[in-house]
């Protein structure tokens, strides 16, 4: 009997094709660039619980490279962030889920910002169409690939975050795995092991023209080496190239120091 019921149950589950077009039809745009523009849409997935919706959207956001600022399966709410880049500052996206399986996304741009409504609609619907019916929340997404970045660029990104809101550093960076390139400045040995410092001096970067502020004070990057990397660390000399993989641990505001932990030579 169980075998006969299974095909029927599969037919009862809504497919992506059954939802196709509904997200686009529900898309709305309001406001204007002078005061900020709101973009919103929603889909309804029968059989989707609030907890499952929150967990699925969390995983979808992480796989898309977004930052999860807050997630609450009891209230059915998530606050996501599209990471800042050269084109825009961080953009926050609000997600809500209700018991009937409806999931809504809302994004508001900053005042003066211009955005392509069609691109936003496509991105939102791409995420929402990945939702599947279910009561139990799926497992949280695992770690993503290491983010390749230079020490100079990482320091610059963190410095900009500090200017906006220092509390956002943990949201955007903490726990993420980075592959950080640069040059060796020196090391420091303590009870916790050995740490190496990246050389942040602009003079070592051909063609790099710093601001007067950065020429005097700049954010530094320190990599705390894994215990099995001590031998490698001891062979380093000033100016040697560094290519290390580690996890963003913390930012020390008083000394403007980024701590990367459990660092190893990139393979």
Protein backbone atom coordinates (compact mmCIF):
# COMPACT_ATOMS: atom_id res chain seq x y z
CA UNK A 1 0.00 0.00 0.00
CA UNK A 2 2.86 2.32 0.88
CA UNK A 3 4.35 1.87 -2.57
CA UNK A 4 1.06 2.84 -4.22
CA UNK A 5 0.67 5.98 -2.11
CA UNK A 6 4.16 7.33 -2.82
CA UNK A 7 3.54 8.38 -6.46
CA UNK A 8 0.31 10.08 -5.37
CA UNK A 9 2.09 12.01 -2.62
CA UNK A 10 4.74 13.14 -5.08
CA UNK A 11 2.04 14.45 -7.40
CA UNK A 12 0.51 16.43 -4.55
CA UNK A 13 3.75 18.30 -3.84
CA UNK A 14 4.00 21.66 -5.63
CA UNK A 15 6.80 21.73 -8.19
CA UNK A 16 8.93 24.67 -9.26
CA UNK A 17 6.98 24.76 -12.53
CA UNK A 18 3.71 25.02 -10.57
CA UNK A 19 5.05 28.10 -8.79
CA UNK A 20 6.60 29.61 -11.92
CA UNK A 21 5.38 33.11 -12.66
CA UNK A 22 3.69 33.65 -9.32
CA UNK A 23 6.72 35.31 -7.77
CA UNK A 24 7.05 37.65 -10.73
CA UNK A 25 3.32 38.45 -10.62
CA UNK A 26 3.56 39.36 -6.92
CA UNK A 27 6.57 41.64 -7.39
CA UNK A 28 6.00 45.28 -6.44
CA UNK A 29 8.08 48.43 -6.45
CA UNK A 30 7.29 51.57 -4.46
CA UNK A 31 9.01 54.80 -3.45
CA UNK A 32 11.69 56.66 -5.38
CA UNK A 33 15.49 57.05 -5.39
CA UNK A 34 15.31 60.32 -3.45
CA UNK A 35 13.69 58.74 -0.40
CA UNK A 36 14.57 55.10 -0.99
CA UNK A 37 12.84 52.44 -3.06
CA UNK A 38 11.15 49.29 -1.72
CA UNK A 39 11.02 46.04 -3.68
CA UNK A 40 8.85 43.17 -2.50
CA UNK A 41 7.50 39.81 -3.65
CA UNK A 42 6.20 36.53 -2.24
CA UNK A 43 5.33 32.92 -3.04
CA UNK A 44 3.07 30.42 -1.27
CA UNK A 45 4.33 26.85 -0.93
CA UNK A 46 1.60 24.57 0.49
CA UNK A 47 2.92 22.29 3.22
CA UNK A 48 5.87 24.55 4.05
CA UNK A 49 6.23 25.17 7.78
CA UNK A 50 7.56 28.41 9.21
CA UNK A 51 10.62 26.71 10.74
CA UNK A 52 11.46 24.95 7.48
CA UNK A 53 11.02 28.17 5.49
CA UNK A 54 13.41 30.05 7.77
CA UNK A 55 16.01 27.27 7.66
CA UNK A 56 15.76 26.88 3.88
CA UNK A 57 16.06 30.62 3.25
CA UNK A 58 19.04 30.72 5.61
CA UNK A 59 20.79 28.03 3.56
CA UNK A 60 19.84 29.59 0.23
CA UNK A 61 21.18 32.97 1.36
CA UNK A 62 24.48 31.48 2.56
CA UNK A 63 24.96 29.58 -0.71
CA UNK A 64 24.38 32.86 -2.58
CA UNK A 65 27.10 34.59 -0.54
CA UNK A 66 24.72 36.70 1.53
CA UNK A 67 25.20 37.48 5.21
CA UNK A 68 22.61 36.24 7.71
CA UNK A 69 22.23 38.99 10.29
CA UNK A 70 19.39 37.38 12.24
CA UNK A 71 17.13 34.35 11.89
CA UNK A 72 14.20 33.43 14.14
CA UNK A 73 12.20 30.28 13.35
CA UNK A 74 9.60 31.08 16.00
CA UNK A 75 8.64 34.47 14.58
CA UNK A 76 9.32 33.38 11.00
CA UNK A 77 11.72 36.21 10.26
CA UNK A 78 15.17 36.61 8.75
CA UNK A 79 17.32 39.64 8.17
CA UNK A 80 19.80 39.14 5.34
CA UNK A 81 22.43 41.38 3.83
CA UNK A 82 23.78 41.62 0.33
CA UNK A 83 27.48 42.20 0.98
CA UNK A 84 28.82 45.66 0.13
CA UNK A 85 30.95 46.07 -2.98
CA UNK A 86 32.32 48.83 -5.20
CA UNK A 87 28.83 49.48 -6.61
CA UNK A 88 26.86 49.72 -3.38
CA UNK A 89 26.98 49.59 0.39
CA UNK A 90 25.42 46.65 2.24
CA UNK A 91 21.76 46.09 1.30
CA UNK A 92 19.42 44.55 3.86
CA UNK A 93 16.72 42.08 2.84
CA UNK A 94 13.83 41.20 5.14
CA UNK A 95 12.23 37.75 4.87
CA UNK A 96 9.03 36.69 6.64
CA UNK A 97 7.26 33.32 6.67
CA UNK A 98 3.72 32.54 7.88
CA UNK A 99 1.97 29.23 8.66
CA UNK A 100 0.10 28.99 5.34
CA UNK A 101 3.43 28.60 3.51
CA UNK A 102 3.71 32.17 2.27
CA UNK A 103 7.24 33.59 2.25
CA UNK A 104 7.77 37.30 1.56
CA UNK A 105 10.96 39.16 0.69
CA UNK A 106 11.40 42.91 1.05
CA UNK A 107 14.42 45.03 0.17
CA UNK A 108 14.76 48.78 0.56
CA UNK A 109 17.56 50.69 -1.10
CA UNK A 110 19.26 53.67 0.51
CA UNK A 111 18.32 57.21 -0.39
CA UNK A 112 19.99 58.30 -3.61
CA UNK A 113 20.68 54.73 -4.72
CA UNK A 114 19.71 53.54 -8.19
CA UNK A 115 18.79 49.90 -8.81
CA UNK A 116 17.52 47.71 -11.65
CA UNK A 117 14.06 46.44 -10.68
CA UNK A 118 14.19 43.53 -13.16
CA UNK A 119 17.49 42.29 -11.74
CA UNK A 120 16.16 42.51 -8.19
CA UNK A 121 12.99 40.63 -9.19
CA UNK A 122 15.03 37.91 -10.87
CA UNK A 123 17.31 37.50 -7.85
CA UNK A 124 14.44 37.37 -5.35
CA UNK A 125 12.42 34.88 -7.38
CA UNK A 126 15.45 32.67 -7.95
CA UNK A 127 15.78 32.33 -4.18
CA UNK A 128 12.07 31.83 -3.47
CA UNK A 129 11.64 29.18 -6.18
CA UNK A 130 14.16 27.00 -4.35
CA UNK A 131 11.77 26.54 -1.39
CA UNK A 132 10.34 23.05 -0.95
CA UNK A 133 7.41 21.81 1.19
CA UNK A 134 8.28 20.37 4.56
CA UNK A 135 7.69 20.54 8.28
CA UNK A 136 11.14 19.75 9.65
CA UNK A 137 13.86 22.36 9.09
CA UNK A 138 16.80 21.17 6.98
CA UNK A 139 20.33 21.09 8.30
CA UNK A 140 22.19 24.37 8.28
CA UNK A 141 24.39 24.84 5.24
CA UNK A 142 28.00 23.86 5.70
CA UNK A 143 31.04 26.02 5.22
CA UNK A 144 31.56 27.67 1.86
CA UNK A 145 34.75 27.80 -0.21
CA UNK A 146 37.51 30.04 1.19
CA UNK A 147 37.18 33.65 0.09
CA UNK A 148 40.34 34.66 -1.78
CA UNK A 149 41.40 38.18 -0.88
CA UNK A 150 44.53 40.23 -0.32
CA UNK A 151 45.38 41.44 3.16
CA UNK A 152 45.14 45.03 1.91
CA UNK A 153 41.64 44.52 0.51
CA UNK A 154 40.41 42.66 3.61
CA UNK A 155 41.67 45.48 5.81
CA UNK A 156 39.98 48.04 3.56
CA UNK A 157 36.63 46.21 3.69
CA UNK A 158 36.76 45.94 7.48
CA UNK A 159 37.73 49.62 7.79
CA UNK A 160 34.67 50.62 5.75
CA UNK A 161 32.46 48.43 7.92
CA UNK A 162 33.86 50.14 11.02
CA UNK A 163 32.85 53.50 9.58
CA UNK A 164 29.28 52.26 9.03
CA UNK A 165 28.72 50.13 12.13
CA UNK A 166 31.44 48.16 13.92
CA UNK A 167 28.86 45.62 15.14
CA UNK A 168 28.43 44.47 11.52
CA UNK A 169 31.97 43.06 11.39
CA UNK A 170 30.94 39.85 13.14
CA UNK A 171 27.92 39.49 10.85
CA UNK A 172 29.90 39.99 7.65
CA UNK A 173 33.14 38.28 8.55
CA UNK A 174 33.23 36.19 11.73
CA UNK A 175 33.49 32.47 11.09
CA UNK A 176 34.13 32.84 7.36
CA UNK A 177 37.14 31.12 5.85
CA UNK A 178 39.55 33.38 3.97
CA UNK A 179 42.52 32.72 1.74
CA UNK A 180 44.62 35.81 2.44
CA UNK A 181 47.56 36.79 0.24
CA UNK A 182 50.21 39.38 0.98
CA UNK A 183 53.72 39.80 2.34
CA UNK A 184 55.32 38.80 5.63
CA UNK A 185 56.16 41.60 8.05
CA UNK A 186 57.02 39.76 11.25
CA UNK A 187 55.82 37.28 13.83
CA UNK A 188 54.83 37.13 17.46
CA UNK A 189 55.11 34.14 19.77
CA UNK A 190 52.94 33.69 22.83
CA UNK A 191 51.37 31.07 25.08
CA UNK A 192 48.71 30.45 22.44
CA UNK A 193 51.22 29.79 19.69
CA UNK A 194 52.78 31.76 16.85
CA UNK A 195 51.14 34.54 14.83
CA UNK A 196 52.36 36.18 11.64
CA UNK A 197 51.63 39.74 10.52
CA UNK A 198 50.98 40.88 6.98
CA UNK A 199 52.92 43.90 5.77
CA UNK A 200 50.36 46.65 5.20
CA UNK A 201 52.79 49.38 4.12
CA UNK A 202 51.52 50.96 0.89
CA UNK A 203 55.11 51.52 -0.31
CA UNK A 204 55.41 47.80 -0.95
CA UNK A 205 52.53 47.84 -3.42
CA UNK A 206 53.54 49.30 -6.82
CA UNK A 207 50.99 51.75 -8.13
CA UNK A 208 49.02 51.91 -4.87
CA UNK A 209 48.26 55.49 -3.84
CA UNK A 210 46.92 55.69 -0.27
CA UNK A 211 44.94 58.47 1.33
CA UNK A 212 46.80 60.69 3.79
CA UNK A 213 44.91 59.03 6.63
CA UNK A 214 45.85 55.50 5.58
CA UNK A 215 49.48 56.52 5.18
CA UNK A 216 49.59 57.15 8.93
CA UNK A 217 47.07 54.74 10.42
CA UNK A 218 45.88 51.54 8.79
CA UNK A 219 44.07 48.36 9.77
CA UNK A 220 46.41 45.41 10.24
CA UNK A 221 45.94 41.69 9.58
CA UNK A 222 47.36 38.98 11.83
CA UNK A 223 47.18 35.23 11.14
CA UNK A 224 47.41 32.89 14.14
CA UNK A 225 49.10 29.79 12.79
CA UNK A 226 47.83 26.26 13.39
CA UNK A 227 50.10 24.23 15.68
CA UNK A 228 51.40 22.09 12.81
CA UNK A 229 52.50 25.19 10.86
CA UNK A 230 55.17 26.35 13.29
CA UNK A 231 58.03 24.96 11.21
CA UNK A 232 56.88 26.86 8.13
CA UNK A 233 56.40 30.05 10.15
CA UNK A 234 59.97 29.92 11.44
CA UNK A 235 61.38 29.92 7.90
CA UNK A 236 59.66 33.19 6.92
CA UNK A 237 61.69 36.34 6.31
CA UNK A 238 60.48 39.91 5.87
CA UNK A 239 59.08 40.42 2.39
CA UNK A 240 58.30 36.75 1.76
CA UNK A 241 54.99 36.10 0.03
CA UNK A 242 52.14 34.77 2.18
CA UNK A 243 49.21 32.69 0.97
CA UNK A 244 47.36 31.45 4.04
CA UNK A 245 43.92 29.98 4.72
CA UNK A 246 42.23 30.64 8.05
CA UNK A 247 39.00 31.61 9.79
CA UNK A 248 38.07 35.20 10.64
CA UNK A 249 38.09 35.26 14.43
CA UNK A 250 37.74 38.86 15.58
CA UNK A 251 38.52 42.53 15.08
CA UNK A 252 40.30 44.44 17.85
CA UNK A 253 39.05 48.01 17.58
CA UNK A 254 41.55 49.69 19.90
CA UNK A 255 44.54 48.43 17.90
CA UNK A 256 42.75 48.14 14.53
CA UNK A 257 43.86 44.51 14.27
CA UNK A 258 42.10 41.71 12.37
CA UNK A 259 42.60 38.26 13.89
CA UNK A 260 42.54 35.28 11.50
CA UNK A 261 42.73 31.93 13.31
CA UNK A 262 43.91 28.38 12.59
CA UNK A 263 45.97 29.51 9.58
CA UNK A 264 47.65 27.09 7.22
CA UNK A 265 49.55 27.39 3.96
CA UNK A 266 47.07 27.35 1.07
CA UNK A 267 47.23 24.26 -1.12
